[in-house]
Amino acid sequence: MITAADVRRIALSLPETVEKEAWSIPTFRVAGKMYITIPDDGTSFAVRCPKHERTELIAAEPEKFWVPPHEAGSHWVRVRLAALEDLDELRDILVDSWRQAAPERLADALPGPGAGQG
C-alpha cells in the first residue's frame, strides 16, 4: 500500500525540493513554490492541477481525485493514496505537480514526460 512516507520520499528526490511545515502539515516546495501538501489524516495528498484538467480528472476517476469544498476555487486537487495503482503512478502525479511549480531551468533538466513544459 502506498503511504504518505512514499509521497515524502519521492517528493524529496525531485530537484531542489524542500519540505516546510505550513498549517501544521508537511508541504513540499521548489523555488519557493508549494507543489504538494500532505493533510494530517495521511490518507491523501494535494497537488497543483489546472482547473480545467482537475474537472476532467475528477470526472474520469472520482474514487482517486477529489476537491474539498474549501479548495474549490484553487488550482489544487487531492489524491487518495489507497486508490493509486503503484509507485510509478504516484511519481508521475508528483512530477507533474513539481513541473508546474519548478522554474524552467529545473523542469527541463528532469527527464521524463512533460520535459520542457515549464
Protein backbone atom coordinates (compact mmCIF):
# COMPACT_ATOMS: atom_id res chain seq x y z
CA MET A 1 0.00 0.00 0.00
CA ILE A 2 1.25 3.49 -0.88
CA THR A 3 1.70 5.78 2.11
CA ALA A 4 2.40 9.42 2.93
CA ALA A 5 6.01 8.32 3.56
CA ASP A 6 6.21 7.31 -0.13
CA VAL A 7 4.94 10.77 -1.12
CA ARG A 8 7.61 12.39 1.07
CA ARG A 9 10.42 10.16 -0.24
CA ILE A 10 9.59 10.76 -3.92
CA ALA A 11 8.98 14.49 -3.43
CA LEU A 12 12.33 14.96 -1.72
CA SER A 13 14.05 13.11 -4.57
CA LEU A 14 12.95 15.79 -7.05
CA PRO A 15 15.48 18.55 -7.78
CA GLU A 16 15.68 21.39 -5.27
CA THR A 17 12.63 20.25 -3.32
CA VAL A 18 12.42 21.30 0.30
CA GLU A 19 9.95 20.26 2.95
CA LYS A 20 8.39 23.03 5.01
CA GLU A 21 5.61 22.86 7.55
CA ALA A 22 2.63 25.12 6.92
CA TRP A 23 -0.81 24.97 8.55
CA SER A 24 0.73 22.28 10.81
CA ILE A 25 1.13 19.88 7.87
CA PRO A 26 4.07 18.98 5.63
CA THR A 27 4.34 20.88 2.36
CA PHE A 28 6.89 20.46 -0.40
CA ARG A 29 8.26 23.34 -2.44
CA VAL A 30 10.55 24.04 -5.34
CA ALA A 31 11.96 27.52 -5.88
CA GLY A 32 9.71 28.71 -3.06
CA LYS A 33 6.51 27.47 -4.73
CA MET A 34 4.43 24.85 -2.99
CA TYR A 35 3.52 21.84 -5.12
CA ILE A 36 2.46 19.14 -2.62
CA THR A 37 0.71 19.13 0.74
CA ILE A 38 0.01 16.11 2.92
CA PRO A 39 -3.07 16.71 5.09
CA ASP A 40 -2.84 15.43 8.64
CA ASP A 41 -5.11 12.42 8.12
CA GLY A 42 -2.41 10.80 5.94
CA THR A 43 -4.93 9.22 3.54
CA SER A 44 -4.46 11.69 0.69
CA PHE A 45 -2.23 14.43 -0.63
CA ALA A 46 -2.83 17.56 -2.66
CA VAL A 47 -1.03 18.62 -5.85
CA ARG A 48 -1.17 21.52 -8.27
CA CYS A 49 -3.61 20.99 -11.12
CA PRO A 50 -5.05 23.44 -13.64
CA LYS A 51 -8.79 23.77 -13.02
CA HIS A 52 -9.80 22.54 -16.48
CA GLU A 53 -7.71 19.38 -16.03
CA ARG A 54 -8.93 18.92 -12.47
CA THR A 55 -12.55 18.72 -13.60
CA GLU A 56 -11.64 16.05 -16.16
CA LEU A 57 -9.59 14.05 -13.62
CA ILE A 58 -12.39 14.01 -11.07
CA ALA A 59 -14.99 13.05 -13.68
CA ALA A 60 -12.81 10.21 -15.00
CA GLU A 61 -11.66 8.84 -11.64
CA PRO A 62 -13.77 10.18 -8.75
CA GLU A 63 -12.54 7.40 -6.45
CA LYS A 64 -8.99 8.71 -6.88
CA PHE A 65 -9.30 12.50 -7.31
CA TRP A 66 -11.41 14.99 -5.36
CA VAL A 67 -11.52 18.57 -4.12
CA PRO A 68 -12.77 19.56 -0.67
CA PRO A 69 -15.21 22.48 -0.69
CA HIS A 70 -12.72 24.93 0.84
CA GLU A 71 -10.31 24.30 -2.08
CA ALA A 72 -12.90 24.56 -4.87
CA GLY A 73 -11.55 27.90 -6.10
CA SER A 74 -7.94 26.77 -6.08
CA HIS A 75 -5.66 25.11 -8.60
CA TRP A 76 -5.22 22.01 -6.42
CA VAL A 77 -6.62 18.50 -6.44
CA ARG A 78 -6.49 15.84 -3.74
CA VAL A 79 -5.39 12.30 -4.49
CA ARG A 80 -6.46 9.31 -2.37
CA LEU A 81 -3.41 7.19 -1.57
CA ALA A 82 -5.41 3.95 -1.42
CA ALA A 83 -6.69 4.49 -4.99
CA LEU A 84 -3.23 4.70 -6.59
CA GLU A 85 -2.13 1.71 -8.64
CA ASP A 86 1.58 1.79 -7.87
CA LEU A 87 4.61 3.94 -7.10
CA ASP A 88 5.08 4.78 -10.79
CA GLU A 89 1.65 6.41 -10.88
CA LEU A 90 2.44 8.29 -7.66
CA ARG A 91 5.73 9.53 -9.11
CA ASP A 92 4.02 10.67 -12.34
CA ILE A 93 1.48 12.71 -10.36
CA LEU A 94 4.15 14.26 -8.14
CA VAL A 95 6.45 15.09 -11.06
CA ASP A 96 3.57 16.73 -12.94
CA SER A 97 2.85 18.97 -9.95
CA TRP A 98 6.59 19.67 -9.48
CA ARG A 99 6.87 20.75 -13.13
CA GLN A 100 4.06 23.27 -12.64
CA ALA A 101 5.98 24.94 -9.82
CA ALA A 102 9.61 24.48 -10.93
CA PRO A 103 11.49 27.14 -12.85
CA GLU A 104 12.08 26.23 -16.48
CA ARG A 105 15.80 25.57 -15.91
CA LEU A 106 14.87 22.78 -13.50
CA ALA A 107 11.87 21.42 -15.36
CA ASP A 108 13.99 20.99 -18.48
CA ALA A 109 16.66 19.15 -16.51
CA LEU A 110 14.31 16.42 -15.25
CA PRO A 111 13.86 13.74 -17.89
CA GLY A 112 10.52 12.15 -18.50
CA PRO A 113 7.01 13.05 -19.64
CA GLY A 114 6.38 16.75 -19.89
CA ALA A 115 10.06 17.70 -20.20
CA GLY A 116 10.36 21.22 -21.48
CA GLN A 117 6.87 22.21 -20.37
CA GLY A 118 7.96 24.57 -17.57
